[in-house]
Every structure is written in structure tokens, then in C-alpha cells.
Amino acid sequence: MSRERIILGIDPGTTVMGYGLIKVDGNKAQMLTLGVLELHKYDDHYLKLKKIFERVIQLIDSYHPDELAIEAPFYGKNVQSMLKLGRAQGVAMSAALSRSIPIFEYAPLRIKQAITGRGNATKEQVAIILQQLLKLSEIPKYLDATDGLAAAYCHFLQNQSIMVKSGSGSWKDFINKNPGRVKK
């Protein structure tokens, strides 16, 4: 008997935070919602962190996710940007911890690889494949939303043990090995 569960995925950011929620029943996943929290209108970094915390709490209280899948910060050229991103991630994680929700962290490369089979895929490629997999009516304006959804879907795939391994094949091989998951 399969256990139904809800996964909240977050793409942390201090300008735009993306999120997506999926409901999993057995080996099937469906999108519940996705969106963004726009933070560029706030000048105060600490106010941005407060807004992130409040929005994640709202999502948790509205959808009652069983797990949080979050994109890990990656090392970029700008150390200050990485520090701010790490704080945003930490605040989102704190919100989940305050509601006793288990957290699973995935590197951006791992998320892209899980969704597209390629770790160097673009945000657009991830969004297009998620649109097919989850039957999204349209791709959102901010791809941070599909990045949040991608974190949730990556976690779903991780638990299904059908992740595409590096060098194991192409997107075509993935489709052939997973009939019924995507339209050909």
C-alpha cells in the first residue's frame, strides 16, 4: 500500500525565491502549486529573510508538506552573494524545522541531472521537461518557480530510485525506461 505524501521544493534566493509543491501517491506525482516570492522590492536584507521565513511557514501551514527538498547554495564568484543565498536557505530550513519537517538538500547539478539527465541543463530546459512531466499549462514568468518545483520532483525521483545516473544514457533512454511518465 502506497503512502501519499506532499513535498515542498524551494529554490532559495534573496531577490526571488521559487517554490513548488507536489503530491506523491505511489509512483505518481502531481503538482499542487508553484510560485515565487518576489523580494527585490525590499532594500533591507533582514526584512527579506523575515519575508522568506513567513512565506515558507504559510506554505507549510496551507499544504502540510511531509518533506522539504531545497536547492543547496553553490559556490560562485561573489562570496557576498553566496553568503546571502546561504542565509536565505537557512531561513527556509528554519521554517521547516520549526514545524518538524525533514529537510533534504540537493546540489543544483543533481537537480538538473535528475530532471533532464544532464547536469549542465538550462533553467529553460528544466522548465520544459517539468511542463511535460507534470502537465503544467504554462511555464511561469520566473523560472525560479520551476526550479523550486524541480527540487521537489528531484526528491520524488530520488525516492523512486529512477534517477538518471551520470553517463548512463540520454533523455531518450530515460523516457524508454520510464513509460507513462512523459509524452513521447
C-alpha atoms as a PDB file:
ATOM      1  CA  MET A   1       0.000   0.000   0.000  1.00  0.00           C
ATOM      2  CA  SER A   2       1.489   3.339  -1.042  1.00  0.00           C
ATOM      3  CA  ARG A   3       1.671   6.263   1.283  1.00  0.00           C
ATOM      4  CA  GLU A   4       0.541   9.605  -0.038  1.00  0.00           C
ATOM      5  CA  ARG A   5       2.900  12.458   0.779  1.00  0.00           C
ATOM      6  CA  ILE A   6       3.488  16.075  -0.107  1.00  0.00           C
ATOM      7  CA  ILE A   7       6.901  17.505  -0.965  1.00  0.00           C
ATOM      8  CA  LEU A   8       7.713  21.219  -0.794  1.00  0.00           C
ATOM      9  CA  GLY A   9      10.582  22.236  -3.046  1.00  0.00           C
ATOM     10  CA  ILE A  10      12.396  25.536  -2.624  1.00  0.00           C
ATOM     11  CA  ASP A  11      14.886  27.401  -4.779  1.00  0.00           C
ATOM     12  CA  PRO A  12      16.224  29.899  -2.229  1.00  0.00           C
ATOM     13  CA  GLY A  13      17.071  33.442  -3.192  1.00  0.00           C
ATOM     14  CA  THR A  14      17.110  36.940  -1.780  1.00  0.00           C
ATOM     15  CA  THR A  15      15.776  38.548  -4.955  1.00  0.00           C
ATOM     16  CA  VAL A  16      13.310  35.843  -5.963  1.00  0.00           C
ATOM     17  CA  MET A  17      12.568  32.654  -4.029  1.00  0.00           C
ATOM     18  CA  GLY A  18      10.929  29.902  -6.062  1.00  0.00           C
ATOM     19  CA  TYR A  19       8.745  27.168  -4.644  1.00  0.00           C
ATOM     20  CA  GLY A  20       6.732  24.214  -5.849  1.00  0.00           C
ATOM     21  CA  LEU A  21       4.650  21.569  -4.142  1.00  0.00           C
ATOM     22  CA  ILE A  22       3.890  18.110  -5.430  1.00  0.00           C
ATOM     23  CA  LYS A  23       1.609  15.394  -4.130  1.00  0.00           C
ATOM     24  CA  VAL A  24       3.042  11.893  -4.431  1.00  0.00           C
ATOM     25  CA  ASP A  25       0.900   8.790  -4.449  1.00  0.00           C
ATOM     26  CA  GLY A  26       2.936   5.655  -5.049  1.00  0.00           C
ATOM     27  CA  ASN A  27       4.983   6.223  -8.188  1.00  0.00           C
ATOM     28  CA  LYS A  28       2.871   9.130  -9.436  1.00  0.00           C
ATOM     29  CA  ALA A  29       3.445  12.800  -8.731  1.00  0.00           C
ATOM     30  CA  GLN A  30       1.205  15.748  -9.466  1.00  0.00           C
ATOM     31  CA  MET A  31       1.828  19.431  -8.995  1.00  0.00           C
ATOM     32  CA  LEU A  32      -0.228  21.168  -6.328  1.00  0.00           C
ATOM     33  CA  THR A  33       1.147  24.669  -6.838  1.00  0.00           C
ATOM     34  CA  LEU A  34       4.208  26.649  -7.749  1.00  0.00           C
ATOM     35  CA  GLY A  35       5.165  30.277  -7.491  1.00  0.00           C
ATOM     36  CA  VAL A  36       7.672  32.837  -6.368  1.00  0.00           C
ATOM     37  CA  LEU A  37       8.205  35.264  -3.558  1.00  0.00           C
ATOM     38  CA  GLU A  38       9.482  38.500  -5.079  1.00  0.00           C
ATOM     39  CA  LEU A  39      11.927  40.196  -2.742  1.00  0.00           C
ATOM     40  CA  HIS A  40      13.593  42.780  -4.975  1.00  0.00           C
ATOM     41  CA  LYS A  41      11.193  45.454  -3.702  1.00  0.00           C
ATOM     42  CA  TYR A  42      12.755  45.275  -0.221  1.00  0.00           C
ATOM     43  CA  ASP A  43      16.043  47.064   0.460  1.00  0.00           C
ATOM     44  CA  ASP A  44      16.679  45.616   3.922  1.00  0.00           C
ATOM     45  CA  HIS A  45      18.327  42.179   3.739  1.00  0.00           C
ATOM     46  CA  TYR A  46      16.950  41.192   7.151  1.00  0.00           C
ATOM     47  CA  LEU A  47      13.415  42.089   6.078  1.00  0.00           C
ATOM     48  CA  LYS A  48      13.900  39.806   3.054  1.00  0.00           C
ATOM     49  CA  LEU A  49      14.878  36.975   5.383  1.00  0.00           C
ATOM     50  CA  LYS A  50      11.790  37.615   7.502  1.00  0.00           C
ATOM     51  CA  LYS A  51       9.583  37.523   4.387  1.00  0.00           C
ATOM     52  CA  ILE A  52      11.161  34.209   3.317  1.00  0.00           C
ATOM     53  CA  PHE A  53      10.504  32.699   6.740  1.00  0.00           C
ATOM     54  CA  GLU A  54       6.892  33.924   6.763  1.00  0.00           C
ATOM     55  CA  ARG A  55       6.151  32.661   3.239  1.00  0.00           C
ATOM     56  CA  VAL A  56       7.610  29.214   3.916  1.00  0.00           C
ATOM     57  CA  ILE A  57       5.539  28.992   7.114  1.00  0.00           C
ATOM     58  CA  GLN A  58       2.427  29.990   5.113  1.00  0.00           C
ATOM     59  CA  LEU A  59       3.136  27.262   2.544  1.00  0.00           C
ATOM     60  CA  ILE A  60       3.693  24.691   5.283  1.00  0.00           C
ATOM     61  CA  ASP A  61       0.530  25.659   7.142  1.00  0.00           C
ATOM     62  CA  SER A  62      -1.534  25.656   3.932  1.00  0.00           C
ATOM     63  CA  TYR A  63      -0.279  22.441   2.285  1.00  0.00           C
ATOM     64  CA  HIS A  64       1.118  20.417   5.223  1.00  0.00           C
ATOM     65  CA  PRO A  65       4.140  19.003   3.370  1.00  0.00           C
ATOM     66  CA  ASP A  66       5.788  15.868   4.714  1.00  0.00           C
ATOM     67  CA  GLU A  67       9.249  16.831   3.448  1.00  0.00           C
ATOM     68  CA  LEU A  68      11.238  19.832   2.250  1.00  0.00           C
ATOM     69  CA  ALA A  69      13.598  19.499  -0.712  1.00  0.00           C
ATOM     70  CA  ILE A  70      15.829  22.530  -1.066  1.00  0.00           C
ATOM     71  CA  GLU A  71      18.494  23.550  -3.530  1.00  0.00           C
ATOM     72  CA  ALA A  72      21.905  23.879  -1.884  1.00  0.00           C
ATOM     73  CA  PRO A  73      23.904  27.059  -2.393  1.00  0.00           C
ATOM     74  CA  PHE A  74      26.646  26.709  -4.958  1.00  0.00           C
ATOM     75  CA  TYR A  75      29.991  28.429  -4.971  1.00  0.00           C
ATOM     76  CA  GLY A  76      30.014  31.373  -7.323  1.00  0.00           C
ATOM     77  CA  LYS A  77      32.453  34.168  -7.990  1.00  0.00           C
ATOM     78  CA  ASN A  78      30.899  36.528  -5.458  1.00  0.00           C
ATOM     79  CA  VAL A  79      31.329  35.425  -1.838  1.00  0.00           C
ATOM     80  CA  GLN A  80      28.816  38.031  -0.596  1.00  0.00           C
ATOM     81  CA  SER A  81      26.127  36.642  -2.916  1.00  0.00           C
ATOM     82  CA  MET A  82      26.823  33.131  -1.703  1.00  0.00           C
ATOM     83  CA  LEU A  83      26.574  34.278   1.916  1.00  0.00           C
ATOM     84  CA  LYS A  84      23.189  35.924   1.252  1.00  0.00           C
ATOM     85  CA  LEU A  85      21.952  32.831  -0.567  1.00  0.00           C
ATOM     86  CA  GLY A  86      23.084  30.631   2.329  1.00  0.00           C
ATOM     87  CA  ARG A  87      21.166  32.836   4.745  1.00  0.00           C
ATOM     88  CA  ALA A  88      18.033  32.576   2.591  1.00  0.00           C
ATOM     89  CA  GLN A  89      18.396  28.807   2.522  1.00  0.00           C
ATOM     90  CA  GLY A  90      18.953  28.714   6.281  1.00  0.00           C
ATOM     91  CA  VAL A  91      15.824  30.750   6.966  1.00  0.00           C
ATOM     92  CA  ALA A  92      13.704  28.458   4.765  1.00  0.00           C
ATOM     93  CA  MET A  93      15.193  25.438   6.524  1.00  0.00           C
ATOM     94  CA  SER A  94      14.478  27.014   9.926  1.00  0.00           C
ATOM     95  CA  ALA A  95      10.836  27.451   8.964  1.00  0.00           C
ATOM     96  CA  ALA A  96      10.618  23.746   8.078  1.00  0.00           C
ATOM     97  CA  LEU A  97      12.446  22.743  11.250  1.00  0.00           C
ATOM     98  CA  SER A  98      10.038  24.835  13.331  1.00  0.00           C
ATOM     99  CA  ARG A  99       7.260  22.581  12.005  1.00  0.00           C
ATOM    100  CA  SER A 100       9.313  19.356  12.377  1.00  0.00           C
ATOM    101  CA  ILE A 101       9.552  18.763   8.629  1.00  0.00           C
ATOM    102  CA  PRO A 102      12.533  16.680   7.435  1.00  0.00           C
ATOM    103  CA  ILE A 103      14.886  18.517   5.070  1.00  0.00           C
ATOM    104  CA  PHE A 104      16.655  17.101   2.024  1.00  0.00           C
ATOM    105  CA  GLU A 105      19.284  19.189   0.283  1.00  0.00           C
ATOM    106  CA  TYR A 106      20.275  18.769  -3.365  1.00  0.00           C
ATOM    107  CA  ALA A 107      23.022  20.418  -5.385  1.00  0.00           C
ATOM    108  CA  PRO A 108      21.808  22.347  -8.444  1.00  0.00           C
ATOM    109  CA  LEU A 109      23.725  19.951 -10.714  1.00  0.00           C
ATOM    110  CA  ARG A 110      21.984  16.958  -9.128  1.00  0.00           C
ATOM    111  CA  ILE A 111      18.534  18.515  -9.568  1.00  0.00           C
ATOM    112  CA  LYS A 112      19.172  19.314 -13.239  1.00  0.00           C
ATOM    113  CA  GLN A 113      20.548  15.841 -13.817  1.00  0.00           C
ATOM    114  CA  ALA A 114      17.528  14.220 -12.161  1.00  0.00           C
ATOM    115  CA  ILE A 115      15.059  16.175 -14.284  1.00  0.00           C
ATOM    116  CA  THR A 116      16.847  16.338 -17.642  1.00  0.00           C
ATOM    117  CA  GLY A 117      19.588  13.709 -17.472  1.00  0.00           C
ATOM    118  CA  ARG A 118      22.188  16.481 -17.856  1.00  0.00           C
ATOM    119  CA  GLY A 119      23.795  18.421 -15.017  1.00  0.00           C
ATOM    120  CA  ASN A 120      24.509  21.379 -17.290  1.00  0.00           C
ATOM    121  CA  ALA A 121      20.894  21.844 -18.458  1.00  0.00           C
ATOM    122  CA  THR A 122      19.487  25.365 -18.582  1.00  0.00           C
ATOM    123  CA  LYS A 123      16.636  26.637 -16.420  1.00  0.00           C
ATOM    124  CA  GLU A 124      14.506  26.681 -19.577  1.00  0.00           C
ATOM    125  CA  GLN A 125      15.216  23.011 -20.330  1.00  0.00           C
ATOM    126  CA  VAL A 126      14.301  22.049 -16.766  1.00  0.00           C
ATOM    127  CA  ALA A 127      11.055  24.044 -17.027  1.00  0.00           C
ATOM    128  CA  ILE A 128      10.093  22.464 -20.370  1.00  0.00           C
ATOM    129  CA  ILE A 129      10.623  18.919 -19.111  1.00  0.00           C
ATOM    130  CA  LEU A 130       8.709  19.632 -15.896  1.00  0.00           C
ATOM    131  CA  GLN A 131       5.896  21.074 -18.014  1.00  0.00           C
ATOM    132  CA  GLN A 132       5.675  17.721 -19.815  1.00  0.00           C
ATOM    133  CA  LEU A 133       6.139  15.522 -16.741  1.00  0.00           C
ATOM    134  CA  LEU A 134       3.643  17.365 -14.540  1.00  0.00           C
ATOM    135  CA  LYS A 135       1.322  18.610 -17.302  1.00  0.00           C
ATOM    136  CA  LEU A 136       1.805  22.301 -16.481  1.00  0.00           C
ATOM    137  CA  SER A 137      -0.496  24.504 -18.540  1.00  0.00           C
ATOM    138  CA  GLU A 138       2.261  27.080 -18.999  1.00  0.00           C
ATOM    139  CA  ILE A 139       5.798  27.862 -17.961  1.00  0.00           C
ATOM    140  CA  PRO A 140       5.835  30.627 -15.338  1.00  0.00           C
ATOM    141  CA  LYS A 141       7.405  34.048 -15.919  1.00  0.00           C
ATOM    142  CA  TYR A 142      10.019  33.434 -13.228  1.00  0.00           C
ATOM    143  CA  LEU A 143      11.861  30.158 -13.751  1.00  0.00           C
ATOM    144  CA  ASP A 144      12.727  30.214 -10.045  1.00  0.00           C
ATOM    145  CA  ALA A 145       9.236  28.712  -9.585  1.00  0.00           C
ATOM    146  CA  THR A 146      10.061  25.717 -11.791  1.00  0.00           C
ATOM    147  CA  ASP A 147      13.444  25.462 -10.060  1.00  0.00           C
ATOM    148  CA  GLY A 148      11.614  25.076  -6.737  1.00  0.00           C
ATOM    149  CA  LEU A 149       9.317  22.514  -8.324  1.00  0.00           C
ATOM    150  CA  ALA A 150      12.397  20.753  -9.740  1.00  0.00           C
ATOM    151  CA  ALA A 151      13.845  20.357  -6.228  1.00  0.00           C
ATOM    152  CA  ALA A 152      10.609  18.671  -5.110  1.00  0.00           C
ATOM    153  CA  TYR A 153      10.491  16.438  -8.194  1.00  0.00           C
ATOM    154  CA  CYS A 154      14.170  15.522  -7.806  1.00  0.00           C
ATOM    155  CA  HIS A 155      13.407  14.361  -4.271  1.00  0.00           C
ATOM    156  CA  PHE A 156      10.458  12.332  -5.568  1.00  0.00           C
ATOM    157  CA  LEU A 157      12.711  10.694  -8.173  1.00  0.00           C
ATOM    158  CA  GLN A 158      15.399  10.029  -5.574  1.00  0.00           C
ATOM    159  CA  ASN A 159      12.865   8.098  -3.537  1.00  0.00           C
ATOM    160  CA  GLN A 160      11.641   6.223  -6.624  1.00  0.00           C
ATOM    161  CA  SER A 161      15.192   5.075  -7.427  1.00  0.00           C
ATOM    162  CA  ILE A 162      14.796   6.049 -11.076  1.00  0.00           C
ATOM    163  CA  MET A 163      17.233   8.911 -11.169  1.00  0.00           C
ATOM    164  CA  VAL A 164      19.313   9.101 -14.277  1.00  0.00           C
ATOM    165  CA  LYS A 165      22.901   8.343 -13.344  1.00  0.00           C
ATOM    166  CA  SER A 166      25.706  10.373 -14.833  1.00  0.00           C
ATOM    167  CA  GLY A 167      26.825   8.832 -18.094  1.00  0.00           C
ATOM    168  CA  SER A 168      24.110   6.160 -18.046  1.00  0.00           C
ATOM    169  CA  GLY A 169      22.263   7.391 -21.071  1.00  0.00           C
ATOM    170  CA  SER A 170      20.349  10.082 -22.799  1.00  0.00           C
ATOM    171  CA  TRP A 171      16.975  11.671 -22.206  1.00  0.00           C
ATOM    172  CA  LYS A 172      15.627   9.211 -24.799  1.00  0.00           C
ATOM    173  CA  ASP A 173      16.898   6.292 -22.687  1.00  0.00           C
ATOM    174  CA  PHE A 174      15.202   7.798 -19.624  1.00  0.00           C
ATOM    175  CA  ILE A 175      11.868   8.009 -21.494  1.00  0.00           C
ATOM    176  CA  ASN A 176      12.165   4.419 -22.696  1.00  0.00           C
ATOM    177  CA  LYS A 177      12.973   3.177 -19.184  1.00  0.00           C
ATOM    178  CA  ASN A 178      10.051   5.126 -17.674  1.00  0.00           C
ATOM    179  CA  PRO A 179       6.995   4.565 -19.875  1.00  0.00           C
ATOM    180  CA  GLY A 180       3.947   6.572 -18.935  1.00  0.00           C
ATOM    181  CA  ARG A 181       5.952   9.297 -17.163  1.00  0.00           C
ATOM    182  CA  VAL A 182       6.367  11.569 -20.183  1.00  0.00           C
ATOM    183  CA  LYS A 183       4.695  12.005 -23.539  1.00  0.00           C
ATOM    184  CA  LYS A 184       6.747  10.823 -26.499  1.00  0.00           C
END
